[in-house]
Structure formats: C-alpha cells, structure tokens
Amino acid sequence: MATEMRKWECIVCGYVYDEATGDPEHGIKAGTRWEDIPEDWTCPECGISKADFEMVLKAA
C-alpha cells in the first residue's frame, strides 16, 4: 500500500509544497517526499527555510 502524498505550507507566505508535484523549477522532482528535500532548500516565494513549513492536515 502506497503512502499518501502530503502537503507542507510556509508559515510566512502561505506557499504550499505538494509532494505529488514537487518543485521542478527549483530541482525538486514530482513525488519527492518532504524528508528527502535538502535541508538548505528554501521557500521559492519568500526564501524562508524548510524548518518554517508545517504539514497541511486533511479535513476530517
């Protein structure tokens, strides 16, 4: 059973990183898990660090 793709939101600007689509413009391929993104990756919108993202929880 495949693990569900998650989304992560920048707490500063609201940019959402979706594991399913990745961030190809910045070298992150579609399907790349959050934990596999380099620690020095930054938000493509505001430049904040990866540590300042929170997982988007699905509505029940």
N, C-alpha and C. Protein backbone atom coordinates (compact mmCIF):
# COMPACT_ATOMS: atom_id res chain seq x y z
N MET A 1 0.84 -1.19 0.00
CA MET A 1 0.00 0.00 0.00
C MET A 1 0.88 1.25 0.00
N ALA A 2 0.66 2.13 -0.92
CA ALA A 2 1.47 3.34 -1.05
C ALA A 2 1.11 4.36 0.02
N THR A 3 2.13 5.07 0.46
CA THR A 3 1.90 6.13 1.43
C THR A 3 1.33 7.35 0.71
N GLU A 4 0.36 7.98 1.32
CA GLU A 4 -0.29 9.14 0.73
C GLU A 4 0.68 10.32 0.62
N MET A 5 0.58 11.06 -0.46
CA MET A 5 1.39 12.26 -0.64
C MET A 5 0.85 13.36 0.28
N ARG A 6 1.77 14.11 0.87
CA ARG A 6 1.38 15.16 1.80
C ARG A 6 1.69 16.54 1.22
N LYS A 7 1.17 17.56 1.89
CA LYS A 7 1.43 18.95 1.52
C LYS A 7 1.99 19.67 2.74
N TRP A 8 2.86 20.62 2.48
CA TRP A 8 3.51 21.40 3.53
C TRP A 8 3.36 22.88 3.20
N GLU A 9 2.99 23.69 4.18
CA GLU A 9 2.72 25.11 3.94
C GLU A 9 3.74 26.00 4.65
N CYS A 10 4.22 27.01 3.93
CA CYS A 10 5.12 28.01 4.51
C CYS A 10 4.32 28.86 5.50
N ILE A 11 4.82 28.97 6.73
CA ILE A 11 4.09 29.74 7.74
C ILE A 11 4.22 31.25 7.53
N VAL A 12 5.11 31.66 6.65
CA VAL A 12 5.30 33.09 6.41
C VAL A 12 4.42 33.60 5.27
N CYS A 13 4.49 32.93 4.10
CA CYS A 13 3.78 33.46 2.93
C CYS A 13 2.62 32.60 2.45
N GLY A 14 2.50 31.37 2.96
CA GLY A 14 1.39 30.52 2.55
C GLY A 14 1.66 29.63 1.35
N TYR A 15 2.89 29.68 0.78
CA TYR A 15 3.24 28.78 -0.32
C TYR A 15 3.04 27.34 0.14
N VAL A 16 2.48 26.50 -0.72
CA VAL A 16 2.26 25.10 -0.37
C VAL A 16 3.15 24.21 -1.24
N TYR A 17 3.98 23.39 -0.58
CA TYR A 17 4.76 22.38 -1.28
C TYR A 17 3.94 21.10 -1.27
N ASP A 18 3.66 20.58 -2.45
CA ASP A 18 2.88 19.35 -2.62
C ASP A 18 3.85 18.26 -3.06
N GLU A 19 3.96 17.19 -2.26
CA GLU A 19 4.89 16.11 -2.60
C GLU A 19 4.57 15.51 -3.97
N ALA A 20 3.31 15.50 -4.36
CA ALA A 20 2.90 14.91 -5.64
C ALA A 20 3.46 15.69 -6.83
N THR A 21 3.54 17.02 -6.71
CA THR A 21 4.00 17.83 -7.83
C THR A 21 5.44 18.29 -7.68
N GLY A 22 5.97 18.29 -6.46
CA GLY A 22 7.34 18.73 -6.22
C GLY A 22 7.53 20.21 -6.49
N ASP A 23 8.76 20.58 -6.82
CA ASP A 23 9.11 21.96 -7.16
C ASP A 23 10.15 21.90 -8.28
N PRO A 24 9.71 21.42 -9.48
CA PRO A 24 10.65 21.19 -10.57
C PRO A 24 11.47 22.41 -10.99
N GLU A 25 10.90 23.59 -10.85
CA GLU A 25 11.64 24.80 -11.22
C GLU A 25 12.87 25.01 -10.34
N HIS A 26 12.87 24.38 -9.17
CA HIS A 26 13.98 24.53 -8.23
C HIS A 26 14.67 23.19 -7.95
N GLY A 27 14.55 22.25 -8.90
CA GLY A 27 15.28 21.00 -8.83
C GLY A 27 14.67 19.90 -7.98
N ILE A 28 13.42 20.06 -7.54
CA ILE A 28 12.76 19.03 -6.73
C ILE A 28 11.72 18.32 -7.60
N LYS A 29 11.98 17.06 -7.93
CA LYS A 29 11.11 16.30 -8.83
C LYS A 29 9.77 15.97 -8.20
N ALA A 30 8.75 15.81 -9.04
CA ALA A 30 7.44 15.36 -8.58
C ALA A 30 7.60 14.04 -7.86
N GLY A 31 6.87 13.87 -6.76
CA GLY A 31 6.94 12.65 -5.98
C GLY A 31 8.00 12.67 -4.89
N THR A 32 8.73 13.79 -4.76
CA THR A 32 9.77 13.89 -3.74
C THR A 32 9.14 14.13 -2.38
N ARG A 33 9.42 13.23 -1.45
CA ARG A 33 8.91 13.35 -0.08
C ARG A 33 9.58 14.51 0.63
N TRP A 34 8.86 15.12 1.56
CA TRP A 34 9.35 16.26 2.32
C TRP A 34 10.69 15.94 2.98
N GLU A 35 10.79 14.75 3.58
CA GLU A 35 12.02 14.39 4.28
C GLU A 35 13.20 14.18 3.34
N ASP A 36 12.95 14.06 2.04
CA ASP A 36 14.02 13.87 1.06
C ASP A 36 14.49 15.18 0.42
N ILE A 37 13.84 16.29 0.75
CA ILE A 37 14.25 17.59 0.23
C ILE A 37 15.48 18.04 1.04
N PRO A 38 16.50 18.57 0.39
CA PRO A 38 17.69 19.02 1.12
C PRO A 38 17.34 20.05 2.19
N GLU A 39 18.06 20.01 3.30
CA GLU A 39 17.80 20.93 4.42
C GLU A 39 18.04 22.39 4.03
N ASP A 40 18.86 22.63 3.00
CA ASP A 40 19.15 24.01 2.60
C ASP A 40 18.14 24.55 1.57
N TRP A 41 17.13 23.74 1.22
CA TRP A 41 16.06 24.20 0.32
C TRP A 41 15.29 25.31 1.02
N THR A 42 14.87 26.31 0.27
CA THR A 42 14.10 27.42 0.85
C THR A 42 12.81 27.62 0.06
N CYS A 43 11.87 28.29 0.68
CA CYS A 43 10.59 28.60 0.05
C CYS A 43 10.85 29.38 -1.24
N PRO A 44 10.31 28.92 -2.37
CA PRO A 44 10.53 29.63 -3.62
C PRO A 44 9.84 30.99 -3.69
N GLU A 45 8.89 31.24 -2.81
CA GLU A 45 8.18 32.52 -2.80
C GLU A 45 8.84 33.56 -1.90
N CYS A 46 9.24 33.16 -0.68
CA CYS A 46 9.74 34.16 0.27
C CYS A 46 11.15 33.88 0.79
N GLY A 47 11.70 32.70 0.49
CA GLY A 47 13.07 32.39 0.87
C GLY A 47 13.26 31.88 2.29
N ILE A 48 12.18 31.62 3.01
CA ILE A 48 12.28 31.13 4.39
C ILE A 48 12.76 29.67 4.36
N SER A 49 13.34 29.21 5.46
CA SER A 49 13.91 27.87 5.49
C SER A 49 12.85 26.76 5.54
N LYS A 50 13.28 25.57 5.19
CA LYS A 50 12.42 24.38 5.21
C LYS A 50 11.83 24.15 6.60
N ALA A 51 12.57 24.53 7.64
CA ALA A 51 12.11 24.33 9.02
C ALA A 51 10.85 25.13 9.33
N ASP A 52 10.58 26.17 8.54
CA ASP A 52 9.43 27.04 8.79
C ASP A 52 8.20 26.66 7.96
N PHE A 53 8.08 25.38 7.65
CA PHE A 53 6.90 24.84 6.98
C PHE A 53 6.17 23.93 7.94
N GLU A 54 4.86 23.86 7.80
CA GLU A 54 4.05 22.96 8.61
C GLU A 54 3.24 22.06 7.69
N MET A 55 3.06 20.80 8.11
CA MET A 55 2.27 19.88 7.32
C MET A 55 0.81 20.32 7.32
N VAL A 56 0.20 20.28 6.13
CA VAL A 56 -1.21 20.63 5.98
C VAL A 56 -2.02 19.39 6.35
N LEU A 57 -2.87 19.53 7.35
CA LEU A 57 -3.70 18.41 7.79
C LEU A 57 -4.96 18.35 6.94
N LYS A 58 -5.35 17.14 6.60
CA LYS A 58 -6.57 16.95 5.80
C LYS A 58 -7.79 17.17 6.68
N ALA A 59 -8.82 17.73 6.10
CA ALA A 59 -10.09 17.90 6.83
C ALA A 59 -10.72 16.53 7.03
N ALA A 60 -11.31 16.35 8.19
CA ALA A 60 -11.93 15.04 8.50
C ALA A 60 -13.21 14.83 7.74
